[in-house]
């Protein structure tokens, strides 16, 4: 049975030609014209990738600092002790600790957006894989979230650095801002993400790397982007 769409969604869909590929500037302008719900929608760029997500050597993962931030208040948890813990607290992390936080998270606490850990803490943090893994919250050196420089890591995620990872269906979805952003801010943030995803291409990836890309807002239809933005022959 087809999903029933709201009147607001259907009105937004009238602004998008499903058979057309849009320039990034056009897409950002359309997002700004979408009828707004009662909250500031997150704007996301989603990629359908041309790699095999079942192959470990074709995994795509990385980070991207957004020129204009994400517009989201990022809640940070840091597993650390001593000076690293003090530095994380000073940098503004919401939750900092070690044994107490390990137990709290083991018991199911996940009220945070990013987890950071020092290398020394990781031997215990890895045991939380069943809690952190499925939610994409496990600290990882490749995303800069396993480090002794906890202050810089907290500053980076608070400033709007976003992480991305290939999902099991071969897609990557990355937030690039809020609907309240100016169109040019959305354009520049999206270009930064496209560049980061392209640079994260696995050496084993063959053929077309990115099959398609779509710009969308939380409760609005997707806008197909021109392939010239991301397709490198």
C-alpha atoms as a PDB file:
ATOM      1  CA  UNK A   1       0.000   0.000   0.000  1.00  0.00           C
ATOM      2  CA  UNK A   2       1.483   3.385  -1.004  1.00  0.00           C
ATOM      3  CA  UNK A   3       2.596   5.612   1.853  1.00  0.00           C
ATOM      4  CA  UNK A   4       0.144   8.423   2.484  1.00  0.00           C
ATOM      5  CA  UNK A   5       1.845  11.788   2.155  1.00  0.00           C
ATOM      6  CA  UNK A   6       0.933  14.940   4.043  1.00  0.00           C
ATOM      7  CA  UNK A   7      -0.502  17.974   2.267  1.00  0.00           C
ATOM      8  CA  UNK A   8       2.703  19.847   3.099  1.00  0.00           C
ATOM      9  CA  UNK A   9       4.837  17.138   1.475  1.00  0.00           C
ATOM     10  CA  UNK A  10       2.654  17.061  -1.627  1.00  0.00           C
ATOM     11  CA  UNK A  11       2.886  20.829  -1.924  1.00  0.00           C
ATOM     12  CA  UNK A  12       6.670  20.596  -1.675  1.00  0.00           C
ATOM     13  CA  UNK A  13       6.711  17.857  -4.310  1.00  0.00           C
ATOM     14  CA  UNK A  14       5.075  20.249  -6.773  1.00  0.00           C
ATOM     15  CA  UNK A  15       8.316  22.265  -6.733  1.00  0.00           C
ATOM     16  CA  UNK A  16      10.433  19.304  -7.870  1.00  0.00           C
ATOM     17  CA  UNK A  17      10.540  17.706 -11.324  1.00  0.00           C
ATOM     18  CA  UNK A  18      11.330  14.047 -10.587  1.00  0.00           C
ATOM     19  CA  UNK A  19      12.775  13.586 -14.092  1.00  0.00           C
ATOM     20  CA  UNK A  20      15.197  16.506 -13.898  1.00  0.00           C
ATOM     21  CA  UNK A  21      18.736  16.815 -12.578  1.00  0.00           C
ATOM     22  CA  UNK A  22      19.276  20.131 -10.783  1.00  0.00           C
ATOM     23  CA  UNK A  23      22.340  22.254 -10.252  1.00  0.00           C
ATOM     24  CA  UNK A  24      23.344  22.558  -6.618  1.00  0.00           C
ATOM     25  CA  UNK A  25      22.324  26.226  -6.610  1.00  0.00           C
ATOM     26  CA  UNK A  26      18.868  25.352  -7.971  1.00  0.00           C
ATOM     27  CA  UNK A  27      18.439  22.566  -5.430  1.00  0.00           C
ATOM     28  CA  UNK A  28      19.398  24.817  -2.503  1.00  0.00           C
ATOM     29  CA  UNK A  29      16.908  27.451  -3.681  1.00  0.00           C
ATOM     30  CA  UNK A  30      14.134  24.843  -3.882  1.00  0.00           C
ATOM     31  CA  UNK A  31      14.889  23.612  -0.355  1.00  0.00           C
ATOM     32  CA  UNK A  32      14.390  27.191   0.847  1.00  0.00           C
ATOM     33  CA  UNK A  33      10.992  27.297  -0.900  1.00  0.00           C
ATOM     34  CA  UNK A  34       9.658  24.087   0.632  1.00  0.00           C
ATOM     35  CA  UNK A  35       6.679  24.638   2.978  1.00  0.00           C
ATOM     36  CA  UNK A  36       8.207  24.573   6.445  1.00  0.00           C
ATOM     37  CA  UNK A  37       7.061  22.285   9.271  1.00  0.00           C
ATOM     38  CA  UNK A  38       7.139  23.490  12.863  1.00  0.00           C
ATOM     39  CA  UNK A  39      10.864  22.778  13.210  1.00  0.00           C
ATOM     40  CA  UNK A  40      14.026  23.663  11.315  1.00  0.00           C
ATOM     41  CA  UNK A  41      14.547  20.736   8.963  1.00  0.00           C
ATOM     42  CA  UNK A  42      17.964  19.139   8.557  1.00  0.00           C
ATOM     43  CA  UNK A  43      19.210  19.294   4.969  1.00  0.00           C
ATOM     44  CA  UNK A  44      21.001  16.149   3.821  1.00  0.00           C
ATOM     45  CA  UNK A  45      22.930  15.047   0.753  1.00  0.00           C
ATOM     46  CA  UNK A  46      22.478  11.347   0.018  1.00  0.00           C
ATOM     47  CA  UNK A  47      24.624   9.290  -2.357  1.00  0.00           C
ATOM     48  CA  UNK A  48      23.876   5.978  -4.050  1.00  0.00           C
ATOM     49  CA  UNK A  49      27.330   4.491  -4.372  1.00  0.00           C
ATOM     50  CA  UNK A  50      28.700   2.186  -7.042  1.00  0.00           C
ATOM     51  CA  UNK A  51      30.670  -0.023  -4.644  1.00  0.00           C
ATOM     52  CA  UNK A  52      29.792  -3.364  -3.072  1.00  0.00           C
ATOM     53  CA  UNK A  53      29.013  -2.810   0.635  1.00  0.00           C
ATOM     54  CA  UNK A  54      29.522  -6.530   1.275  1.00  0.00           C
ATOM     55  CA  UNK A  55      33.237  -6.205   0.503  1.00  0.00           C
ATOM     56  CA  UNK A  56      35.328  -4.949   3.420  1.00  0.00           C
ATOM     57  CA  UNK A  57      37.941  -3.482   1.083  1.00  0.00           C
ATOM     58  CA  UNK A  58      35.280  -1.261  -0.481  1.00  0.00           C
ATOM     59  CA  UNK A  59      34.140   0.342   2.758  1.00  0.00           C
ATOM     60  CA  UNK A  60      33.846   4.128   2.558  1.00  0.00           C
ATOM     61  CA  UNK A  61      34.301   6.147   5.716  1.00  0.00           C
ATOM     62  CA  UNK A  62      35.554   9.611   6.531  1.00  0.00           C
ATOM     63  CA  UNK A  63      34.973  13.027   8.036  1.00  0.00           C
ATOM     64  CA  UNK A  64      34.283  16.461   6.632  1.00  0.00           C
ATOM     65  CA  UNK A  65      34.482  19.888   8.293  1.00  0.00           C
ATOM     66  CA  UNK A  66      31.529  21.939   7.071  1.00  0.00           C
ATOM     67  CA  UNK A  67      32.495  25.529   6.161  1.00  0.00           C
ATOM     68  CA  UNK A  68      29.317  26.855   7.788  1.00  0.00           C
ATOM     69  CA  UNK A  69      28.809  24.206  10.467  1.00  0.00           C
ATOM     70  CA  UNK A  70      25.920  21.787  10.661  1.00  0.00           C
ATOM     71  CA  UNK A  71      23.494  24.031  12.513  1.00  0.00           C
ATOM     72  CA  UNK A  72      23.084  21.283  15.074  1.00  0.00           C
ATOM     73  CA  UNK A  73      23.991  21.399  18.730  1.00  0.00           C
ATOM     74  CA  UNK A  74      26.269  18.373  18.993  1.00  0.00           C
ATOM     75  CA  UNK A  75      26.300  16.497  22.304  1.00  0.00           C
ATOM     76  CA  UNK A  76      29.712  14.962  22.961  1.00  0.00           C
ATOM     77  CA  UNK A  77      30.729  12.147  25.294  1.00  0.00           C
ATOM     78  CA  UNK A  78      34.418  11.573  26.033  1.00  0.00           C
ATOM     79  CA  UNK A  79      35.965   8.477  27.582  1.00  0.00           C
ATOM     80  CA  UNK A  80      39.137   9.790  29.204  1.00  0.00           C
ATOM     81  CA  UNK A  81      41.041  10.218  32.445  1.00  0.00           C
ATOM     82  CA  UNK A  82      43.436  12.778  33.893  1.00  0.00           C
ATOM     83  CA  UNK A  83      44.570  15.705  31.740  1.00  0.00           C
ATOM     84  CA  UNK A  84      42.689  14.431  28.682  1.00  0.00           C
ATOM     85  CA  UNK A  85      39.452  14.399  30.665  1.00  0.00           C
ATOM     86  CA  UNK A  86      40.068  17.903  32.015  1.00  0.00           C
ATOM     87  CA  UNK A  87      40.804  19.197  28.513  1.00  0.00           C
ATOM     88  CA  UNK A  88      37.597  17.649  27.163  1.00  0.00           C
ATOM     89  CA  UNK A  89      35.539  19.269  29.912  1.00  0.00           C
ATOM     90  CA  UNK A  90      37.150  22.652  29.240  1.00  0.00           C
ATOM     91  CA  UNK A  91      36.381  22.273  25.513  1.00  0.00           C
ATOM     92  CA  UNK A  92      32.701  21.840  26.305  1.00  0.00           C
ATOM     93  CA  UNK A  93      32.026  18.089  26.162  1.00  0.00           C
ATOM     94  CA  UNK A  94      28.709  17.284  27.818  1.00  0.00           C
ATOM     95  CA  UNK A  95      29.772  13.951  29.317  1.00  0.00           C
ATOM     96  CA  UNK A  96      33.334  13.168  30.421  1.00  0.00           C
ATOM     97  CA  UNK A  97      34.595  10.256  32.458  1.00  0.00           C
ATOM     98  CA  UNK A  98      35.849   6.717  32.342  1.00  0.00           C
ATOM     99  CA  UNK A  99      34.670   3.893  34.577  1.00  0.00           C
ATOM    100  CA  UNK A 100      31.426   5.678  35.441  1.00  0.00           C
ATOM    101  CA  UNK A 101      30.658   6.380  31.771  1.00  0.00           C
ATOM    102  CA  UNK A 102      31.615   2.882  30.681  1.00  0.00           C
ATOM    103  CA  UNK A 103      29.036   1.459  33.064  1.00  0.00           C
ATOM    104  CA  UNK A 104      26.428   4.063  32.136  1.00  0.00           C
ATOM    105  CA  UNK A 105      26.769   3.355  28.406  1.00  0.00           C
ATOM    106  CA  UNK A 106      26.879  -0.400  29.006  1.00  0.00           C
ATOM    107  CA  UNK A 107      23.517   0.000  30.740  1.00  0.00           C
ATOM    108  CA  UNK A 108      22.104   1.635  27.610  1.00  0.00           C
ATOM    109  CA  UNK A 109      22.846   5.361  27.861  1.00  0.00           C
ATOM    110  CA  UNK A 110      23.139   6.837  24.348  1.00  0.00           C
ATOM    111  CA  UNK A 111      21.919  10.411  24.861  1.00  0.00           C
ATOM    112  CA  UNK A 112      24.798  11.911  22.858  1.00  0.00           C
ATOM    113  CA  UNK A 113      25.733  12.441  19.216  1.00  0.00           C
ATOM    114  CA  UNK A 114      29.478  11.748  19.142  1.00  0.00           C
ATOM    115  CA  UNK A 115      31.737   9.613  21.315  1.00  0.00           C
ATOM    116  CA  UNK A 116      35.454  10.359  21.653  1.00  0.00           C
ATOM    117  CA  UNK A 117      38.010   8.213  23.469  1.00  0.00           C
ATOM    118  CA  UNK A 118      41.711   8.296  24.218  1.00  0.00           C
ATOM    119  CA  UNK A 119      43.742   5.377  22.798  1.00  0.00           C
ATOM    120  CA  UNK A 120      44.284   4.095  26.340  1.00  0.00           C
ATOM    121  CA  UNK A 121      40.527   3.982  26.964  1.00  0.00           C
ATOM    122  CA  UNK A 122      39.730   2.041  23.802  1.00  0.00           C
ATOM    123  CA  UNK A 123      40.536  -1.385  25.270  1.00  0.00           C
ATOM    124  CA  UNK A 124      37.453  -0.993  27.468  1.00  0.00           C
ATOM    125  CA  UNK A 125      35.380   1.113  25.080  1.00  0.00           C
ATOM    126  CA  UNK A 126      35.558  -1.638  22.423  1.00  0.00           C
ATOM    127  CA  UNK A 127      33.596  -3.863  24.800  1.00  0.00           C
ATOM    128  CA  UNK A 128      30.644  -1.497  24.295  1.00  0.00           C
ATOM    129  CA  UNK A 129      30.344  -2.487  20.627  1.00  0.00           C
ATOM    130  CA  UNK A 130      26.823  -3.849  21.001  1.00  0.00           C
ATOM    131  CA  UNK A 131      25.616  -0.489  22.316  1.00  0.00           C
ATOM    132  CA  UNK A 132      27.733   1.939  20.291  1.00  0.00           C
ATOM    133  CA  UNK A 133      28.212   0.030  17.032  1.00  0.00           C
ATOM    134  CA  UNK A 134      24.613  -0.179  15.754  1.00  0.00           C
ATOM    135  CA  UNK A 135      24.153   3.553  16.448  1.00  0.00           C
ATOM    136  CA  UNK A 136      27.343   4.581  14.656  1.00  0.00           C
ATOM    137  CA  UNK A 137      28.804   5.939  17.892  1.00  0.00           C
ATOM    138  CA  UNK A 138      31.944   3.805  18.256  1.00  0.00           C
ATOM    139  CA  UNK A 139      35.076   6.012  18.358  1.00  0.00           C
ATOM    140  CA  UNK A 140      37.370   5.425  15.386  1.00  0.00           C
ATOM    141  CA  UNK A 141      40.868   6.742  14.578  1.00  0.00           C
ATOM    142  CA  UNK A 142      39.807   7.339  10.952  1.00  0.00           C
ATOM    143  CA  UNK A 143      37.213   9.883  12.071  1.00  0.00           C
ATOM    144  CA  UNK A 144      39.498  11.589  14.581  1.00  0.00           C
ATOM    145  CA  UNK A 145      37.497  10.353  17.556  1.00  0.00           C
ATOM    146  CA  UNK A 146      40.281   8.211  19.033  1.00  0.00           C
ATOM    147  CA  UNK A 147      42.926  10.670  20.171  1.00  0.00           C
ATOM    148  CA  UNK A 148      44.857  11.992  23.148  1.00  0.00           C
ATOM    149  CA  UNK A 149      44.096  15.535  21.958  1.00  0.00           C
ATOM    150  CA  UNK A 150      40.531  15.440  23.264  1.00  0.00           C
ATOM    151  CA  UNK A 151      40.143  19.219  23.255  1.00  0.00           C
ATOM    152  CA  UNK A 152      40.791  19.507  19.513  1.00  0.00           C
ATOM    153  CA  UNK A 153      38.462  16.580  18.820  1.00  0.00           C
ATOM    154  CA  UNK A 154      35.661  18.166  20.837  1.00  0.00           C
ATOM    155  CA  UNK A 155      36.241  21.520  19.146  1.00  0.00           C
ATOM    156  CA  UNK A 156      36.077  19.879  15.698  1.00  0.00           C
ATOM    157  CA  UNK A 157      32.754  18.117  16.213  1.00  0.00           C
ATOM    158  CA  UNK A 158      31.247  21.113  17.987  1.00  0.00           C
ATOM    159  CA  UNK A 159      32.243  23.336  15.041  1.00  0.00           C
ATOM    160  CA  UNK A 160      30.286  21.166  12.632  1.00  0.00           C
ATOM    161  CA  UNK A 161      32.533  18.363  11.450  1.00  0.00           C
ATOM    162  CA  UNK A 162      30.411  15.513  10.140  1.00  0.00           C
ATOM    163  CA  UNK A 163      31.240  11.835   9.758  1.00  0.00           C
ATOM    164  CA  UNK A 164      30.051   9.632   6.922  1.00  0.00           C
ATOM    165  CA  UNK A 165      29.991   5.896   6.355  1.00  0.00           C
ATOM    166  CA  UNK A 166      28.710   3.524   3.687  1.00  0.00           C
ATOM    167  CA  UNK A 167      25.619   1.661   4.904  1.00  0.00           C
ATOM    168  CA  UNK A 168      24.758  -1.946   4.121  1.00  0.00           C
ATOM    169  CA  UNK A 169      22.577  -0.870   1.199  1.00  0.00           C
ATOM    170  CA  UNK A 170      25.408   0.995  -0.519  1.00  0.00           C
ATOM    171  CA  UNK A 171      24.256   4.485   0.452  1.00  0.00           C
ATOM    172  CA  UNK A 172      25.890   7.420   2.237  1.00  0.00           C
ATOM    173  CA  UNK A 173      23.798  10.134   3.873  1.00  0.00           C
ATOM    174  CA  UNK A 174      25.404  13.274   5.297  1.00  0.00           C
ATOM    175  CA  UNK A 175      23.792  16.329   6.944  1.00  0.00           C
ATOM    176  CA  UNK A 176      24.897  19.595   5.326  1.00  0.00           C
ATOM    177  CA  UNK A 177      22.980  22.147   7.382  1.00  0.00           C
ATOM    178  CA  UNK A 178      19.522  23.377   8.248  1.00  0.00           C
ATOM    179  CA  UNK A 179      16.693  24.670   6.078  1.00  0.00           C
ATOM    180  CA  UNK A 180      17.171  28.062   7.753  1.00  0.00           C
ATOM    181  CA  UNK A 181      20.662  28.346   6.231  1.00  0.00           C
ATOM    182  CA  UNK A 182      21.208  30.706   3.316  1.00  0.00           C
ATOM    183  CA  UNK A 183      21.268  28.861  -0.048  1.00  0.00           C
ATOM    184  CA  UNK A 184      24.973  29.637  -0.587  1.00  0.00           C
ATOM    185  CA  UNK A 185      25.822  28.124   2.810  1.00  0.00           C
ATOM    186  CA  UNK A 186      24.049  24.912   1.800  1.00  0.00           C
ATOM    187  CA  UNK A 187      25.860  24.937  -1.542  1.00  0.00           C
ATOM    188  CA  UNK A 188      29.313  25.353   0.025  1.00  0.00           C
ATOM    189  CA  UNK A 189      28.684  22.750   2.729  1.00  0.00           C
ATOM    190  CA  UNK A 190      27.412  20.248   0.138  1.00  0.00           C
ATOM    191  CA  UNK A 191      30.405  20.819  -2.135  1.00  0.00           C
ATOM    192  CA  UNK A 192      32.702  20.128   0.818  1.00  0.00           C
ATOM    193  CA  UNK A 193      30.928  16.823   1.492  1.00  0.00           C
ATOM    194  CA  UNK A 194      31.013  15.767  -2.176  1.00  0.00           C
ATOM    195  CA  UNK A 195      34.748  16.442  -2.238  1.00  0.00           C
ATOM    196  CA  UNK A 196      35.298  14.470   0.984  1.00  0.00           C
ATOM    197  CA  UNK A 197      33.319  11.469  -0.299  1.00  0.00           C
ATOM    198  CA  UNK A 198      35.262  11.508  -3.563  1.00  0.00           C
ATOM    199  CA  UNK A 199      38.587  11.615  -1.701  1.00  0.00           C
ATOM    200  CA  UNK A 200      37.491   8.625   0.397  1.00  0.00           C
ATOM    201  CA  UNK A 201      37.218   6.397  -2.691  1.00  0.00           C
ATOM    202  CA  UNK A 202      38.674   2.934  -1.958  1.00  0.00           C
ATOM    203  CA  UNK A 203      41.558   1.864  -4.169  1.00  0.00           C
ATOM    204  CA  UNK A 204      39.632  -1.312  -5.022  1.00  0.00           C
ATOM    205  CA  UNK A 205      36.523   0.518  -6.285  1.00  0.00           C
ATOM    206  CA  UNK A 206      35.962  -0.070  -9.995  1.00  0.00           C
ATOM    207  CA  UNK A 207      33.581   1.535 -12.476  1.00  0.00           C
ATOM    208  CA  UNK A 208      31.327   4.426 -11.552  1.00  0.00           C
ATOM    209  CA  UNK A 209      31.974   5.446  -7.957  1.00  0.00           C
ATOM    210  CA  UNK A 210      28.898   7.620  -7.270  1.00  0.00           C
ATOM    211  CA  UNK A 211      25.743   6.567  -9.106  1.00  0.00           C
ATOM    212  CA  UNK A 212      23.502   9.408  -7.981  1.00  0.00           C
ATOM    213  CA  UNK A 213      23.193  12.193  -5.415  1.00  0.00           C
ATOM    214  CA  UNK A 214      20.124  13.812  -3.898  1.00  0.00           C
ATOM    215  CA  UNK A 215      19.612  16.897  -1.757  1.00  0.00           C
ATOM    216  CA  UNK A 216      16.680  16.735   0.612  1.00  0.00           C
ATOM    217  CA  UNK A 217      15.231  18.087   3.849  1.00  0.00           C
ATOM    218  CA  UNK A 218      13.899  15.975   6.730  1.00  0.00           C
ATOM    219  CA  UNK A 219      10.243  15.856   5.716  1.00  0.00           C
ATOM    220  CA  UNK A 220      10.506  16.890   2.065  1.00  0.00           C
ATOM    221  CA  UNK A 221      11.066  15.177  -1.301  1.00  0.00           C
ATOM    222  CA  UNK A 222      14.550  14.580  -2.678  1.00  0.00           C
ATOM    223  CA  UNK A 223      16.049  16.768  -5.406  1.00  0.00           C
ATOM    224  CA  UNK A 224      18.289  14.886  -7.853  1.00  0.00           C
ATOM    225  CA  UNK A 225      21.611  16.644  -8.395  1.00  0.00           C
ATOM    226  CA  UNK A 226      23.442  16.955 -11.706  1.00  0.00           C
ATOM    227  CA  UNK A 227      25.897  14.100 -12.196  1.00  0.00           C
ATOM    228  CA  UNK A 228      28.568  16.591 -13.322  1.00  0.00           C
ATOM    229  CA  UNK A 229      28.911  17.594  -9.650  1.00  0.00           C
ATOM    230  CA  UNK A 230      30.320  14.256  -8.601  1.00  0.00           C
ATOM    231  CA  UNK A 231      31.011  12.069 -11.639  1.00  0.00           C
ATOM    232  CA  UNK A 232      34.648  11.995 -12.609  1.00  0.00           C
ATOM    233  CA  UNK A 233      35.275  10.137 -15.857  1.00  0.00           C
END
